[in-house]
N, C-alpha and C. Protein backbone atom coordinates (compact mmCIF):
# COMPACT_ATOMS: atom_id res chain seq x y z
N UNK A 1 75.40 76.27 -2.47
CA UNK A 1 76.67 76.63 -1.86
C UNK A 1 77.49 77.45 -2.84
N UNK A 2 78.13 78.44 -2.31
CA UNK A 2 79.01 79.29 -3.12
C UNK A 2 80.46 78.90 -2.87
N UNK A 3 81.28 79.11 -3.86
CA UNK A 3 82.72 78.86 -3.72
C UNK A 3 83.42 80.19 -3.52
N UNK A 4 84.47 80.14 -2.69
CA UNK A 4 85.24 81.34 -2.37
C UNK A 4 86.72 81.04 -2.43
N UNK A 5 87.46 81.95 -3.06
CA UNK A 5 88.92 81.91 -3.02
C UNK A 5 89.35 82.91 -1.94
N UNK A 6 90.15 82.44 -1.01
CA UNK A 6 90.60 83.27 0.10
C UNK A 6 92.12 83.35 0.05
N UNK A 7 92.62 84.57 0.08
CA UNK A 7 94.07 84.76 0.14
C UNK A 7 94.44 85.30 1.51
N UNK A 8 95.35 84.60 2.17
CA UNK A 8 95.94 85.08 3.41
C UNK A 8 97.29 85.72 3.07
N UNK A 9 97.57 86.85 3.67
CA UNK A 9 98.91 87.43 3.66
C UNK A 9 99.41 87.33 5.09
N UNK A 10 100.55 86.66 5.26
CA UNK A 10 101.09 86.42 6.59
C UNK A 10 101.94 87.59 7.08
N UNK A 11 102.02 87.72 8.39
CA UNK A 11 102.97 88.63 9.00
C UNK A 11 104.37 88.01 8.87
N UNK A 12 105.38 88.75 9.26
CA UNK A 12 106.77 88.27 9.12
C UNK A 12 107.19 87.32 10.24
N UNK A 13 106.35 87.06 11.21
CA UNK A 13 106.72 86.24 12.37
C UNK A 13 106.68 84.74 12.03
N UNK A 14 107.71 84.27 11.35
CA UNK A 14 107.74 82.88 10.91
C UNK A 14 107.89 81.89 12.07
N UNK A 15 108.60 82.29 13.12
CA UNK A 15 108.76 81.38 14.26
C UNK A 15 107.41 81.10 14.92
N UNK A 16 106.63 82.14 15.14
CA UNK A 16 105.31 81.97 15.75
C UNK A 16 104.40 81.19 14.81
N UNK A 17 104.50 81.45 13.50
CA UNK A 17 103.67 80.72 12.54
C UNK A 17 104.01 79.23 12.56
N UNK A 18 105.30 78.90 12.64
CA UNK A 18 105.70 77.50 12.74
C UNK A 18 105.14 76.85 14.00
N UNK A 19 105.10 77.60 15.09
CA UNK A 19 104.58 77.10 16.36
C UNK A 19 103.07 76.82 16.29
N UNK A 20 102.33 77.70 15.63
CA UNK A 20 100.87 77.62 15.58
C UNK A 20 100.38 76.74 14.43
N UNK A 21 101.25 76.45 13.45
CA UNK A 21 100.82 75.72 12.25
C UNK A 21 100.06 74.42 12.54
N UNK A 22 100.48 73.57 13.49
CA UNK A 22 99.70 72.34 13.73
C UNK A 22 98.24 72.63 14.11
N UNK A 23 98.01 73.64 14.92
CA UNK A 23 96.63 73.99 15.30
C UNK A 23 95.88 74.57 14.10
N UNK A 24 96.55 75.36 13.29
CA UNK A 24 95.95 75.92 12.08
C UNK A 24 95.52 74.80 11.14
N UNK A 25 96.40 73.83 10.94
CA UNK A 25 96.07 72.72 10.03
C UNK A 25 94.97 71.84 10.60
N UNK A 26 94.94 71.65 11.90
CA UNK A 26 93.85 70.88 12.51
C UNK A 26 92.52 71.61 12.32
N UNK A 27 92.54 72.93 12.47
CA UNK A 27 91.34 73.74 12.23
C UNK A 27 90.85 73.56 10.79
N UNK A 28 91.78 73.66 9.84
CA UNK A 28 91.40 73.50 8.44
C UNK A 28 90.92 72.09 8.14
N UNK A 29 91.53 71.11 8.76
CA UNK A 29 91.08 69.72 8.58
C UNK A 29 89.63 69.56 9.04
N UNK A 30 89.28 70.23 10.12
CA UNK A 30 87.89 70.19 10.58
C UNK A 30 86.93 70.79 9.56
N UNK A 31 87.35 71.87 8.92
CA UNK A 31 86.51 72.47 7.88
C UNK A 31 86.43 71.56 6.65
N UNK A 32 87.52 70.85 6.37
CA UNK A 32 87.50 69.90 5.26
C UNK A 32 86.54 68.74 5.55
N UNK A 33 86.59 68.24 6.77
CA UNK A 33 85.70 67.14 7.15
C UNK A 33 84.23 67.53 7.05
N UNK A 34 83.92 68.80 7.27
CA UNK A 34 82.54 69.30 7.17
C UNK A 34 82.16 69.62 5.72
N UNK A 35 83.10 69.44 4.78
CA UNK A 35 82.83 69.69 3.38
C UNK A 35 83.02 71.12 2.93
N UNK A 36 83.60 71.97 3.78
CA UNK A 36 83.77 73.38 3.43
C UNK A 36 85.08 73.67 2.71
N UNK A 37 86.17 73.07 3.16
CA UNK A 37 87.48 73.34 2.56
C UNK A 37 87.71 72.41 1.39
N UNK A 38 87.97 72.98 0.22
CA UNK A 38 88.25 72.19 -0.97
C UNK A 38 89.75 72.03 -1.20
N UNK A 39 90.52 73.07 -0.90
CA UNK A 39 91.97 73.02 -1.08
C UNK A 39 92.59 74.16 -0.30
N UNK A 40 93.83 73.96 0.12
CA UNK A 40 94.57 75.05 0.77
C UNK A 40 96.06 74.75 0.68
N UNK A 41 96.83 75.80 0.73
CA UNK A 41 98.27 75.64 0.74
C UNK A 41 98.96 76.98 0.69
N UNK A 42 100.21 77.00 1.18
CA UNK A 42 100.96 78.26 1.22
C UNK A 42 101.56 78.60 -0.15
N UNK A 43 101.81 79.89 -0.35
CA UNK A 43 102.59 80.31 -1.51
C UNK A 43 104.00 79.76 -1.34
N UNK A 44 104.66 79.45 -2.42
CA UNK A 44 106.01 78.88 -2.37
C UNK A 44 107.00 79.80 -1.67
N UNK A 45 106.76 81.11 -1.71
CA UNK A 45 107.69 82.04 -1.06
C UNK A 45 107.37 82.27 0.41
N UNK A 46 106.32 81.62 0.94
CA UNK A 46 106.00 81.68 2.36
C UNK A 46 105.33 82.95 2.84
N UNK A 47 104.90 83.81 1.91
CA UNK A 47 104.30 85.09 2.33
C UNK A 47 102.82 85.02 2.60
N UNK A 48 102.19 83.89 2.27
CA UNK A 48 100.76 83.77 2.47
C UNK A 48 100.26 82.43 1.96
N UNK A 49 98.95 82.36 1.72
CA UNK A 49 98.35 81.10 1.30
C UNK A 49 97.09 81.37 0.50
N UNK A 50 96.68 80.35 -0.25
CA UNK A 50 95.42 80.36 -0.96
C UNK A 50 94.56 79.23 -0.40
N UNK A 51 93.31 79.54 -0.10
CA UNK A 51 92.37 78.55 0.42
C UNK A 51 91.10 78.65 -0.41
N UNK A 52 90.52 77.52 -0.75
CA UNK A 52 89.28 77.50 -1.53
C UNK A 52 88.21 76.79 -0.70
N UNK A 53 87.08 77.47 -0.53
CA UNK A 53 86.01 76.99 0.33
C UNK A 53 84.68 76.92 -0.40
N UNK A 54 83.77 76.12 0.14
CA UNK A 54 82.35 76.16 -0.19
C UNK A 54 81.60 76.48 1.10
N UNK A 55 80.83 77.54 1.06
CA UNK A 55 80.00 77.95 2.20
C UNK A 55 78.68 78.47 1.68
N UNK A 56 77.71 78.57 2.58
CA UNK A 56 76.39 79.08 2.23
C UNK A 56 76.50 80.51 1.69
N UNK A 57 77.32 81.32 2.36
CA UNK A 57 77.50 82.71 1.96
C UNK A 57 78.79 83.23 2.57
N UNK A 58 79.16 84.43 2.18
CA UNK A 58 80.42 85.02 2.64
C UNK A 58 80.43 85.27 4.15
N UNK A 59 79.29 85.62 4.70
CA UNK A 59 79.24 85.86 6.15
C UNK A 59 79.56 84.59 6.93
N UNK A 60 79.04 83.45 6.48
CA UNK A 60 79.34 82.18 7.16
C UNK A 60 80.82 81.85 7.05
N UNK A 61 81.41 82.12 5.90
CA UNK A 61 82.85 81.90 5.73
C UNK A 61 83.65 82.80 6.67
N UNK A 62 83.33 84.08 6.70
CA UNK A 62 84.04 85.01 7.57
C UNK A 62 83.94 84.60 9.04
N UNK A 63 82.77 84.16 9.45
CA UNK A 63 82.60 83.70 10.83
C UNK A 63 83.50 82.51 11.12
N UNK A 64 83.57 81.57 10.18
CA UNK A 64 84.44 80.41 10.37
C UNK A 64 85.90 80.83 10.46
N UNK A 65 86.34 81.73 9.58
CA UNK A 65 87.75 82.13 9.55
C UNK A 65 88.18 82.89 10.80
N UNK A 66 87.23 83.48 11.50
CA UNK A 66 87.56 84.17 12.75
C UNK A 66 88.17 83.22 13.77
N UNK A 67 87.91 81.93 13.63
CA UNK A 67 88.39 80.94 14.60
C UNK A 67 89.67 80.24 14.16
N UNK A 68 90.26 80.68 13.05
CA UNK A 68 91.52 80.12 12.60
C UNK A 68 92.61 80.47 13.62
N UNK A 69 93.37 79.50 14.11
CA UNK A 69 94.43 79.80 15.07
C UNK A 69 95.45 80.82 14.55
N UNK A 70 95.69 80.87 13.24
CA UNK A 70 96.57 81.91 12.70
C UNK A 70 95.97 83.29 12.94
N UNK A 71 94.66 83.42 12.80
CA UNK A 71 94.00 84.70 13.06
C UNK A 71 94.05 85.03 14.54
N UNK A 72 93.78 84.04 15.39
CA UNK A 72 93.83 84.24 16.85
C UNK A 72 95.20 84.71 17.30
N UNK A 73 96.26 84.25 16.62
CA UNK A 73 97.63 84.58 17.00
C UNK A 73 98.16 85.81 16.25
N UNK A 74 97.28 86.52 15.54
CA UNK A 74 97.65 87.72 14.78
C UNK A 74 98.78 87.46 13.78
N UNK A 75 98.68 86.32 13.08
CA UNK A 75 99.69 85.96 12.09
C UNK A 75 99.26 86.28 10.66
N UNK A 76 98.05 86.81 10.50
CA UNK A 76 97.54 87.15 9.19
C UNK A 76 97.39 88.67 9.12
N UNK A 77 98.10 89.29 8.19
CA UNK A 77 98.03 90.76 8.09
C UNK A 77 96.90 91.21 7.17
N UNK A 78 96.48 90.32 6.25
CA UNK A 78 95.40 90.71 5.34
C UNK A 78 94.69 89.44 4.86
N UNK A 79 93.37 89.55 4.72
CA UNK A 79 92.56 88.47 4.15
C UNK A 79 91.78 89.06 2.98
N UNK A 80 91.88 88.40 1.86
CA UNK A 80 91.12 88.82 0.67
C UNK A 80 90.19 87.67 0.30
N UNK A 81 88.90 87.96 0.23
CA UNK A 81 87.89 86.95 -0.09
C UNK A 81 87.19 87.34 -1.38
N UNK A 82 87.12 86.39 -2.30
CA UNK A 82 86.39 86.60 -3.54
C UNK A 82 85.51 85.40 -3.80
N UNK A 83 84.22 85.65 -4.08
CA UNK A 83 83.39 84.55 -4.53
C UNK A 83 83.90 84.15 -5.91
N UNK A 84 83.95 82.84 -6.15
CA UNK A 84 84.62 82.32 -7.34
C UNK A 84 83.71 81.34 -8.06
N UNK A 85 83.63 81.49 -9.38
CA UNK A 85 82.82 80.60 -10.20
C UNK A 85 83.72 79.91 -11.21
N UNK A 86 84.18 78.69 -10.90
CA UNK A 86 85.01 77.98 -11.87
C UNK A 86 84.16 77.56 -13.09
N UNK A 87 84.74 77.70 -14.26
CA UNK A 87 84.02 77.32 -15.48
C UNK A 87 84.68 76.16 -16.22
N UNK A 88 85.94 75.89 -15.93
CA UNK A 88 86.65 74.77 -16.53
C UNK A 88 87.44 74.05 -15.45
N UNK A 89 87.62 72.75 -15.61
CA UNK A 89 88.42 71.99 -14.68
C UNK A 89 87.62 70.95 -13.93
N UNK A 90 88.32 70.25 -13.05
CA UNK A 90 87.72 69.12 -12.36
C UNK A 90 86.66 69.52 -11.33
N UNK A 91 86.62 70.79 -10.93
CA UNK A 91 85.63 71.24 -9.96
C UNK A 91 84.33 71.70 -10.63
N UNK A 92 84.24 71.59 -11.92
CA UNK A 92 83.06 72.02 -12.65
C UNK A 92 82.15 70.82 -12.89
N UNK A 93 80.91 70.94 -12.45
CA UNK A 93 79.95 69.83 -12.63
C UNK A 93 79.62 69.66 -14.11
N UNK A 94 79.58 68.39 -14.52
CA UNK A 94 79.26 67.88 -15.77
C UNK A 94 78.93 68.60 -16.94
């Protein structure tokens, strides 16, 4: 499994984002239950979010993200995906 850091940049429609957020979080919870989502959360200034995933490959990740309710509602203006190799910290195996 590969790890990926994903950055979402949100559109300015905060009212719609607030409305869709419960469905977005339920979607992410489903990915967490399947072992794909390691961490996620918004930037403190509300302009976007960072999500860290484990997937077989980038194509599988992209396919999963297509079903994010924020994406369905056109609330994400940009997605940046980078495969990530942590070398220090609690996510590094022994």
